[in-house]
Amino acid sequence: MSIREIATVLNISIAAAHKRIQRARVKLME
């Protein structure tokens, strides 16, 4: 899904969706 689609599905802003995916990848690598 695109960032926009994720934001819509999760009912969050595009900025929040973008940031959560970035944080998830960092946490995943840790």
All heavy atoms as atom14 arrays in JSON, in Angstrom:
{
  "sequence": "MSIREIATVLNISIAAAHKRIQRARVKLME",
  "atom14_mask": [
    [1, 1, 1, 1, 1, 1, 1, 1, 0, 0, 0, 0, 0, 0],
    [1, 1, 1, 1, 1, 1, 0, 0, 0, 0, 0, 0, 0, 0],
    [1, 1, 1, 1, 1, 1, 1, 1, 0, 0, 0, 0, 0, 0],
    [1, 1, 1, 1, 1, 1, 1, 1, 1, 1, 1, 0, 0, 0],
    [1, 1, 1, 1, 1, 1, 1, 1, 1, 0, 0, 0, 0, 0],
    [1, 1, 1, 1, 1, 1, 1, 1, 0, 0, 0, 0, 0, 0],
    [1, 1, 1, 1, 1, 0, 0, 0, 0, 0, 0, 0, 0, 0],
    [1, 1, 1, 1, 1, 1, 1, 0, 0, 0, 0, 0, 0, 0],
    [1, 1, 1, 1, 1, 1, 1, 0, 0, 0, 0, 0, 0, 0],
    [1, 1, 1, 1, 1, 1, 1, 1, 0, 0, 0, 0, 0, 0],
    [1, 1, 1, 1, 1, 1, 1, 1, 0, 0, 0, 0, 0, 0],
    [1, 1, 1, 1, 1, 1, 1, 1, 0, 0, 0, 0, 0, 0],
    [1, 1, 1, 1, 1, 1, 0, 0, 0, 0, 0, 0, 0, 0],
    [1, 1, 1, 1, 1, 1, 1, 1, 0, 0, 0, 0, 0, 0],
    [1, 1, 1, 1, 1, 0, 0, 0, 0, 0, 0, 0, 0, 0],
    [1, 1, 1, 1, 1, 0, 0, 0, 0, 0, 0, 0, 0, 0],
    [1, 1, 1, 1, 1, 0, 0, 0, 0, 0, 0, 0, 0, 0],
    [1, 1, 1, 1, 1, 1, 1, 1, 1, 1, 0, 0, 0, 0],
    [1, 1, 1, 1, 1, 1, 1, 1, 1, 0, 0, 0, 0, 0],
    [1, 1, 1, 1, 1, 1, 1, 1, 1, 1, 1, 0, 0, 0],
    [1, 1, 1, 1, 1, 1, 1, 1, 0, 0, 0, 0, 0, 0],
    [1, 1, 1, 1, 1, 1, 1, 1, 1, 0, 0, 0, 0, 0],
    [1, 1, 1, 1, 1, 1, 1, 1, 1, 1, 1, 0, 0, 0],
    [1, 1, 1, 1, 1, 0, 0, 0, 0, 0, 0, 0, 0, 0],
    [1, 1, 1, 1, 1, 1, 1, 1, 1, 1, 1, 0, 0, 0],
    [1, 1, 1, 1, 1, 1, 1, 0, 0, 0, 0, 0, 0, 0],
    [1, 1, 1, 1, 1, 1, 1, 1, 1, 0, 0, 0, 0, 0],
    [1, 1, 1, 1, 1, 1, 1, 1, 0, 0, 0, 0, 0, 0],
    [1, 1, 1, 1, 1, 1, 1, 1, 0, 0, 0, 0, 0, 0],
    [1, 1, 1, 1, 1, 1, 1, 1, 1, 0, 0, 0, 0, 0]
  ],
  "atom14_positions": [
    [[0.84, -1.19, 0.0], [0.0, 0.0, 0.0], [0.88, 1.25, 0.0], [1.99, 1.24, 0.53], [-0.91, 0.01, 1.23], [-1.93, -1.11, 1.24], [-2.97, -1.1, 2.71], [-4.19, 0.1, 2.18], [0.0, 0.0, 0.0], [0.0, 0.0, 0.0], [0.0, 0.0, 0.0], [0.0, 0.0, 0.0], [0.0, 0.0, 0.0], [0.0, 0.0, 0.0]],
    [[0.36, 2.3, -0.58], [1.08, 3.58, -0.57], [0.94, 4.21, 0.82], [0.07, 3.82, 1.61], [0.52, 4.51, -1.62], [-0.78, 4.96, -1.24], [0.0, 0.0, 0.0], [0.0, 0.0, 0.0], [0.0, 0.0, 0.0], [0.0, 0.0, 0.0], [0.0, 0.0, 0.0], [0.0, 0.0, 0.0], [0.0, 0.0, 0.0], [0.0, 0.0, 0.0]],
    [[1.77, 5.2, 1.09], [1.71, 5.91, 2.37], [0.33, 6.54, 2.54], [-0.27, 6.49, 3.61], [2.81, 7.0, 2.45], [4.2, 6.36, 2.32], [2.7, 7.79, 3.74], [4.54, 5.34, 3.35], [0.0, 0.0, 0.0], [0.0, 0.0, 0.0], [0.0, 0.0, 0.0], [0.0, 0.0, 0.0], [0.0, 0.0, 0.0], [0.0, 0.0, 0.0]],
    [[-0.21, 7.09, 1.49], [-1.54, 7.72, 1.53], [-2.61, 6.68, 1.87], [-3.49, 6.92, 2.68], [-1.86, 8.38, 0.21], [-3.29, 8.91, 0.14], [-3.47, 9.64, -1.14], [-3.2, 11.02, -0.82], [-4.05, 12.01, -1.07], [-5.14, 11.78, -1.71], [-3.77, 13.22, -0.72], [0.0, 0.0, 0.0], [0.0, 0.0, 0.0], [0.0, 0.0, 0.0]],
    [[-2.54, 5.51, 1.24], [-3.51, 4.45, 1.51], [-3.4, 3.97, 2.96], [-4.42, 3.75, 3.63], [-3.3, 3.27, 0.57], [-3.66, 3.54, -0.86], [-3.21, 2.45, -1.82], [-2.13, 1.83, -1.59], [-3.93, 2.21, -2.8], [0.0, 0.0, 0.0], [0.0, 0.0, 0.0], [0.0, 0.0, 0.0], [0.0, 0.0, 0.0], [0.0, 0.0, 0.0]],
    [[-2.19, 3.84, 3.45], [-1.98, 3.43, 4.84], [-2.57, 4.47, 5.78], [-3.24, 4.13, 6.76], [-0.48, 3.19, 5.13], [0.01, 1.98, 4.33], [-0.23, 3.0, 6.62], [1.51, 1.83, 4.29], [0.0, 0.0, 0.0], [0.0, 0.0, 0.0], [0.0, 0.0, 0.0], [0.0, 0.0, 0.0], [0.0, 0.0, 0.0], [0.0, 0.0, 0.0]],
    [[-2.32, 5.72, 5.5], [-2.86, 6.8, 6.33], [-4.38, 6.74, 6.36], [-5.0, 6.88, 7.42], [-2.39, 8.16, 5.82], [0.0, 0.0, 0.0], [0.0, 0.0, 0.0], [0.0, 0.0, 0.0], [0.0, 0.0, 0.0], [0.0, 0.0, 0.0], [0.0, 0.0, 0.0], [0.0, 0.0, 0.0], [0.0, 0.0, 0.0], [0.0, 0.0, 0.0]],
    [[-5.0, 6.46, 5.23], [-6.45, 6.37, 5.16], [-6.96, 5.17, 5.95], [-7.89, 5.29, 6.74], [-6.92, 6.27, 3.69], [-6.45, 7.43, 3.0], [-8.42, 6.19, 3.59], [0.0, 0.0, 0.0], [0.0, 0.0, 0.0], [0.0, 0.0, 0.0], [0.0, 0.0, 0.0], [0.0, 0.0, 0.0], [0.0, 0.0, 0.0], [0.0, 0.0, 0.0]],
    [[-6.36, 4.0, 5.74], [-6.8, 2.78, 6.41], [-6.64, 2.9, 7.92], [-7.51, 2.49, 8.68], [-6.03, 1.56, 5.87], [-6.22, 0.35, 6.75], [-6.47, 1.25, 4.45], [0.0, 0.0, 0.0], [0.0, 0.0, 0.0], [0.0, 0.0, 0.0], [0.0, 0.0, 0.0], [0.0, 0.0, 0.0], [0.0, 0.0, 0.0], [0.0, 0.0, 0.0]],
    [[-5.53, 3.48, 8.38], [-5.27, 3.59, 9.81], [-5.84, 4.85, 10.43], [-5.73, 5.06, 11.63], [-3.75, 3.52, 10.07], [-3.06, 2.23, 9.65], [-1.57, 2.3, 9.95], [-3.69, 1.03, 10.33], [0.0, 0.0, 0.0], [0.0, 0.0, 0.0], [0.0, 0.0, 0.0], [0.0, 0.0, 0.0], [0.0, 0.0, 0.0], [0.0, 0.0, 0.0]],
    [[-6.42, 5.71, 9.59], [-7.01, 6.97, 10.03], [-5.97, 7.83, 10.78], [-6.21, 8.32, 11.88], [-8.23, 6.74, 10.9], [-9.05, 8.01, 11.03], [-9.07, 8.84, 10.14], [-9.74, 8.16, 12.15], [0.0, 0.0, 0.0], [0.0, 0.0, 0.0], [0.0, 0.0, 0.0], [0.0, 0.0, 0.0], [0.0, 0.0, 0.0], [0.0, 0.0, 0.0]],
    [[-4.81, 7.96, 10.14], [-3.75, 8.82, 10.67], [-3.29, 9.72, 9.54], [-3.65, 9.52, 8.38], [-2.55, 8.0, 11.22], [-1.96, 7.08, 10.14], [-2.98, 7.2, 12.45], [-0.72, 6.29, 10.59], [0.0, 0.0, 0.0], [0.0, 0.0, 0.0], [0.0, 0.0, 0.0], [0.0, 0.0, 0.0], [0.0, 0.0, 0.0], [0.0, 0.0, 0.0]],
    [[-2.48, 10.69, 9.86], [-1.99, 11.59, 8.82], [-0.92, 10.89, 7.98], [-0.33, 9.89, 8.4], [-1.41, 12.86, 9.44], [-0.21, 12.56, 10.13], [0.0, 0.0, 0.0], [0.0, 0.0, 0.0], [0.0, 0.0, 0.0], [0.0, 0.0, 0.0], [0.0, 0.0, 0.0], [0.0, 0.0, 0.0], [0.0, 0.0, 0.0], [0.0, 0.0, 0.0]],
    [[-0.67, 11.42, 6.82], [0.37, 10.88, 5.95], [1.73, 10.98, 6.65], [2.54, 10.06, 6.59], [0.38, 11.61, 4.59], [-0.88, 11.23, 3.81], [1.62, 11.25, 3.78], [-1.08, 12.0, 2.53], [0.0, 0.0, 0.0], [0.0, 0.0, 0.0], [0.0, 0.0, 0.0], [0.0, 0.0, 0.0], [0.0, 0.0, 0.0], [0.0, 0.0, 0.0]],
    [[1.94, 12.09, 7.32], [3.2, 12.27, 8.05], [3.37, 11.21, 9.12], [4.46, 10.65, 9.29], [3.24, 13.67, 8.67], [0.0, 0.0, 0.0], [0.0, 0.0, 0.0], [0.0, 0.0, 0.0], [0.0, 0.0, 0.0], [0.0, 0.0, 0.0], [0.0, 0.0, 0.0], [0.0, 0.0, 0.0], [0.0, 0.0, 0.0], [0.0, 0.0, 0.0]],
    [[2.28, 10.89, 9.83], [2.35, 9.87, 10.88], [2.62, 8.49, 10.28], [3.4, 7.71, 10.83], [1.06, 9.87, 11.69], [0.0, 0.0, 0.0], [0.0, 0.0, 0.0], [0.0, 0.0, 0.0], [0.0, 0.0, 0.0], [0.0, 0.0, 0.0], [0.0, 0.0, 0.0], [0.0, 0.0, 0.0], [0.0, 0.0, 0.0], [0.0, 0.0, 0.0]],
    [[1.96, 8.18, 9.17], [2.18, 6.89, 8.51], [3.64, 6.76, 8.07], [4.28, 5.73, 8.28], [1.25, 6.73, 7.32], [0.0, 0.0, 0.0], [0.0, 0.0, 0.0], [0.0, 0.0, 0.0], [0.0, 0.0, 0.0], [0.0, 0.0, 0.0], [0.0, 0.0, 0.0], [0.0, 0.0, 0.0], [0.0, 0.0, 0.0], [0.0, 0.0, 0.0]],
    [[4.15, 7.81, 7.47], [5.54, 7.85, 7.01], [6.49, 7.62, 8.18], [7.4, 6.79, 8.12], [5.78, 9.21, 6.34], [7.12, 9.36, 5.74], [8.2, 9.85, 6.44], [7.58, 9.12, 4.5], [9.25, 9.89, 5.66], [8.9, 9.45, 4.47], [0.0, 0.0, 0.0], [0.0, 0.0, 0.0], [0.0, 0.0, 0.0], [0.0, 0.0, 0.0]],
    [[6.27, 8.33, 9.27], [7.15, 8.25, 10.43], [7.06, 6.88, 11.1], [8.09, 6.33, 11.52], [6.78, 9.35, 11.43], [7.84, 9.57, 12.47], [9.09, 10.07, 11.82], [10.13, 10.45, 12.84], [11.41, 10.76, 12.2], [0.0, 0.0, 0.0], [0.0, 0.0, 0.0], [0.0, 0.0, 0.0], [0.0, 0.0, 0.0], [0.0, 0.0, 0.0]],
    [[5.87, 6.32, 11.18], [5.72, 5.0, 11.82], [6.46, 3.92, 11.04], [7.05, 3.01, 11.62], [4.24, 4.64, 11.95], [3.55, 5.42, 13.05], [2.11, 5.02, 13.19], [1.42, 5.89, 14.12], [0.17, 5.72, 14.48], [-0.55, 4.72, 13.99], [-0.39, 6.56, 15.33], [0.0, 0.0, 0.0], [0.0, 0.0, 0.0], [0.0, 0.0, 0.0]],
    [[6.42, 4.0, 9.73], [7.13, 3.0, 8.93], [8.64, 3.16, 9.12], [9.37, 2.18, 9.26], [6.73, 3.08, 7.44], [5.26, 2.67, 7.29], [7.62, 2.2, 6.58], [4.67, 2.94, 5.93], [0.0, 0.0, 0.0], [0.0, 0.0, 0.0], [0.0, 0.0, 0.0], [0.0, 0.0, 0.0], [0.0, 0.0, 0.0], [0.0, 0.0, 0.0]],
    [[9.1, 4.4, 9.14], [10.53, 4.63, 9.39], [10.94, 4.07, 10.76], [11.95, 3.39, 10.89], [10.85, 6.12, 9.33], [10.87, 6.69, 7.94], [11.19, 8.18, 7.94], [10.86, 8.9, 8.88], [11.82, 8.63, 6.89], [0.0, 0.0, 0.0], [0.0, 0.0, 0.0], [0.0, 0.0, 0.0], [0.0, 0.0, 0.0], [0.0, 0.0, 0.0]],
    [[10.15, 4.38, 11.78], [10.46, 3.9, 13.14], [10.4, 2.37, 13.2], [11.22, 1.75, 13.89], [9.48, 4.49, 14.14], [9.73, 5.93, 14.42], [8.75, 6.47, 15.44], [9.0, 7.9, 15.66], [8.08, 8.78, 16.0], [6.82, 8.38, 16.17], [8.39, 10.03, 16.17], [0.0, 0.0, 0.0], [0.0, 0.0, 0.0], [0.0, 0.0, 0.0]],
    [[9.45, 1.78, 12.5], [9.32, 0.32, 12.49], [10.56, -0.33, 11.91], [11.06, -1.32, 12.44], [8.08, -0.1, 11.71], [0.0, 0.0, 0.0], [0.0, 0.0, 0.0], [0.0, 0.0, 0.0], [0.0, 0.0, 0.0], [0.0, 0.0, 0.0], [0.0, 0.0, 0.0], [0.0, 0.0, 0.0], [0.0, 0.0, 0.0], [0.0, 0.0, 0.0]],
    [[11.07, 0.23, 10.83], [12.27, -0.36, 10.21], [13.48, -0.23, 11.13], [14.28, -1.15, 11.24], [12.54, 0.28, 8.85], [11.49, -0.22, 7.84], [11.78, 0.12, 6.44], [13.06, -0.28, 5.94], [13.25, -1.09, 4.91], [12.22, -1.61, 4.29], [14.46, -1.34, 4.47], [0.0, 0.0, 0.0], [0.0, 0.0, 0.0], [0.0, 0.0, 0.0]],
    [[13.61, 0.91, 11.8], [14.72, 1.09, 12.73], [14.6, 0.1, 13.89], [15.57, -0.57, 14.25], [14.77, 2.55, 13.24], [15.72, 2.71, 14.41], [15.15, 3.49, 12.11], [0.0, 0.0, 0.0], [0.0, 0.0, 0.0], [0.0, 0.0, 0.0], [0.0, 0.0, 0.0], [0.0, 0.0, 0.0], [0.0, 0.0, 0.0], [0.0, 0.0, 0.0]],
    [[13.4, -0.01, 14.48], [13.18, -0.95, 15.58], [13.41, -2.39, 15.13], [13.96, -3.2, 15.87], [11.75, -0.82, 16.12], [11.51, 0.4, 16.92], [11.92, 0.15, 18.33], [11.43, 1.3, 19.19], [12.09, 1.34, 20.46], [0.0, 0.0, 0.0], [0.0, 0.0, 0.0], [0.0, 0.0, 0.0], [0.0, 0.0, 0.0], [0.0, 0.0, 0.0]],
    [[12.98, -2.69, 13.92], [13.16, -4.02, 13.36], [14.65, -4.35, 13.26], [15.09, -5.42, 13.66], [12.49, -4.11, 11.99], [12.5, -5.44, 11.28], [11.73, -6.48, 12.09], [11.88, -5.31, 9.9], [0.0, 0.0, 0.0], [0.0, 0.0, 0.0], [0.0, 0.0, 0.0], [0.0, 0.0, 0.0], [0.0, 0.0, 0.0], [0.0, 0.0, 0.0]],
    [[15.43, -3.43, 12.75], [16.88, -3.65, 12.62], [17.52, -3.79, 14.01], [18.41, -4.62, 14.19], [17.51, -2.52, 11.82], [17.1, -2.58, 10.37], [17.84, -1.41, 9.19], [18.62, -0.2, 10.13], [0.0, 0.0, 0.0], [0.0, 0.0, 0.0], [0.0, 0.0, 0.0], [0.0, 0.0, 0.0], [0.0, 0.0, 0.0], [0.0, 0.0, 0.0]],
    [[17.07, -3.0, 14.98], [17.6, -3.12, 16.34], [17.3, -4.49, 16.93], [18.16, -5.13, 17.52], [17.01, -2.03, 17.24], [17.5, -0.64, 16.96], [16.73, 0.43, 17.74], [15.82, 0.09, 18.54], [17.04, 1.61, 17.55], [0.0, 0.0, 0.0], [0.0, 0.0, 0.0], [0.0, 0.0, 0.0], [0.0, 0.0, 0.0], [0.0, 0.0, 0.0]]
  ]
}
